[in-house]
Amino acid sequence: MNLRGRNKVTPEFNMSSMTDIVFLLLIFFMIASTLVSAEAIDLLLPKSSSKTTQTKNVSVSVNKNNEYFVDMKQVPKASLEAEVLAKVGQSDTPTITIRSDQDVEMKHVVYIMDIANRNKIKSTLAVKSVQ
């Protein structure tokens, strides 16, 4: 009497469906990563700690007559860099706020930003918020 079962289970595993799923996930993440990086904006966010630090913030302004001001004091263009460096002093994190009239040409704002970049000073551009 032969009592062997007729249904033999083969221990093979079909990998084709799993490979299809892996390739679909790969394509999805490749497309998603290109879309995210295309719309990303690089920002330097401020760091916070439990202690407060005193930073010297200098305001550099340009009016529509292309006159430069450092902390409300009019300064000629030739001595603007020296005046900014004197106001910033030996601060750990020197920062300047650039304030310009909306009619000022961009080259004047870029001139101030160039001074800040050369001297490794962080610069912020002041704008009026619209609500």
Protein backbone atom coordinates (compact mmCIF):
# COMPACT_ATOMS: atom_id res chain seq x y z
CA MET A 1 0.00 0.00 0.00
CA ASN A 2 1.44 3.29 -1.15
CA LEU A 3 0.22 6.16 1.09
CA ARG A 4 2.20 8.97 -0.48
CA GLY A 5 0.29 12.11 -1.25
CA ARG A 6 -0.27 13.14 -4.81
CA ASN A 7 0.18 16.87 -4.13
CA LYS A 8 3.86 17.63 -3.96
CA VAL A 9 4.79 21.11 -2.81
CA THR A 10 7.83 22.47 -4.59
CA PRO A 11 9.98 24.77 -2.43
CA GLU A 12 10.52 27.31 -5.22
CA PHE A 13 9.82 30.99 -4.85
CA ASN A 14 8.85 33.15 -7.81
CA MET A 15 10.90 36.37 -7.66
CA SER A 16 9.37 38.09 -10.70
CA SER A 17 6.53 39.78 -8.80
CA MET A 18 8.91 41.01 -6.07
CA THR A 19 11.32 42.43 -8.65
CA ASP A 20 8.46 44.28 -10.31
CA ILE A 21 7.52 45.88 -7.01
CA VAL A 22 11.13 46.83 -6.25
CA PHE A 23 11.57 48.45 -9.67
CA LEU A 24 8.31 50.37 -9.31
CA LEU A 25 9.43 51.69 -5.91
CA LEU A 26 12.82 52.61 -7.34
CA ILE A 27 11.23 54.57 -10.19
CA PHE A 28 8.80 56.27 -7.79
CA PHE A 29 11.57 57.46 -5.46
CA MET A 30 13.77 58.59 -8.34
CA ILE A 31 10.96 60.76 -9.74
CA ALA A 32 9.94 62.03 -6.31
CA SER A 33 13.51 63.01 -5.41
CA THR A 34 13.96 65.06 -8.60
CA LEU A 35 10.71 66.93 -7.97
CA VAL A 36 11.63 67.74 -4.39
CA SER A 37 15.11 69.03 -5.24
CA ALA A 38 13.78 71.19 -8.09
CA GLU A 39 11.48 73.14 -5.76
CA ALA A 40 13.70 73.28 -2.68
CA ILE A 41 14.98 76.59 -1.41
CA ASP A 42 18.27 76.62 0.47
CA LEU A 43 17.89 78.58 3.67
CA LEU A 44 20.27 79.20 6.50
CA LEU A 45 18.01 78.94 9.51
CA PRO A 46 19.04 80.63 12.75
CA LYS A 47 20.35 78.41 15.51
CA SER A 48 18.95 78.65 18.99
CA SER A 49 20.46 77.72 22.32
CA SER A 50 19.41 78.12 25.92
CA LYS A 51 21.65 81.11 26.49
CA THR A 52 21.16 84.46 24.81
CA THR A 53 24.00 86.10 22.95
CA GLN A 54 24.43 89.78 22.32
CA THR A 55 24.86 90.48 18.61
CA LYS A 56 25.63 93.85 17.15
CA ASN A 57 23.26 94.49 14.27
CA VAL A 58 24.17 97.37 11.98
CA SER A 59 21.64 98.94 9.64
CA VAL A 60 22.87 100.01 6.19
CA SER A 61 20.35 102.02 4.18
CA VAL A 62 20.17 103.41 0.64
CA ASN A 63 17.59 106.02 -0.30
CA LYS A 64 16.26 106.83 -3.77
CA ASN A 65 18.96 109.51 -4.22
CA ASN A 66 21.58 106.72 -3.86
CA GLU A 67 22.84 108.10 -0.55
CA TYR A 68 24.24 105.56 1.91
CA PHE A 69 23.49 105.58 5.64
CA VAL A 70 25.01 103.49 8.42
CA ASP A 71 22.77 103.51 11.49
CA MET A 72 21.02 106.74 10.32
CA LYS A 73 24.34 108.52 9.71
CA GLN A 74 25.06 109.53 6.11
CA VAL A 75 28.29 108.05 4.79
CA PRO A 76 29.99 108.58 1.41
CA LYS A 77 30.20 105.50 -0.80
CA ALA A 78 34.01 105.45 -0.69
CA SER A 79 34.15 105.09 3.10
CA LEU A 80 31.11 102.80 3.49
CA GLU A 81 33.15 99.63 4.06
CA ALA A 82 35.34 101.22 6.73
CA GLU A 83 32.30 102.62 8.53
CA VAL A 84 30.50 99.26 8.51
CA LEU A 85 33.59 97.47 9.84
CA ALA A 86 33.97 100.08 12.58
CA LYS A 87 30.31 99.73 13.62
CA VAL A 88 30.35 95.92 13.58
CA GLY A 89 33.56 95.79 15.61
CA GLN A 90 34.85 92.48 16.89
CA SER A 91 31.47 90.79 17.25
CA ASP A 92 31.32 86.97 17.19
CA THR A 93 28.52 86.91 14.60
CA PRO A 94 28.50 90.26 12.82
CA THR A 95 25.29 90.99 10.94
CA ILE A 96 24.02 93.90 8.89
CA THR A 97 20.49 94.69 7.81
CA ILE A 98 20.25 96.15 4.32
CA ARG A 99 17.39 98.61 3.90
CA SER A 100 16.77 100.11 0.50
CA ASP A 101 14.08 102.15 -1.17
CA GLN A 102 12.01 100.22 -3.71
CA ASP A 103 13.19 102.53 -6.51
CA VAL A 104 16.91 101.96 -5.84
CA GLU A 105 18.80 100.09 -8.55
CA MET A 106 19.94 96.61 -7.61
CA LYS A 107 23.63 97.42 -8.16
CA HIS A 108 23.64 99.55 -4.98
CA VAL A 109 22.21 96.71 -2.89
CA VAL A 110 24.67 94.27 -4.44
CA TYR A 111 27.52 96.66 -3.56
CA ILE A 112 26.54 96.46 0.12
CA MET A 113 26.16 92.68 -0.08
CA ASP A 114 29.61 92.45 -1.67
CA ILE A 115 31.10 94.37 1.27
CA ALA A 116 29.39 91.96 3.66
CA ASN A 117 30.61 88.86 1.77
CA ARG A 118 34.20 90.08 1.55
CA ASN A 119 34.32 90.67 5.30
CA LYS A 120 32.34 87.53 6.23
CA ILE A 121 29.43 89.49 7.65
CA LYS A 122 25.96 87.98 7.55
CA SER A 123 23.50 90.20 5.73
CA THR A 124 19.72 90.40 5.80
CA LEU A 125 17.52 92.28 3.41
CA ALA A 126 14.72 94.22 5.13
CA VAL A 127 11.34 94.20 3.40
CA LYS A 128 7.92 95.52 4.28
CA SER A 129 5.46 92.75 5.07
CA VAL A 130 2.21 92.73 3.15
CA GLN A 131 -0.87 91.55 5.01
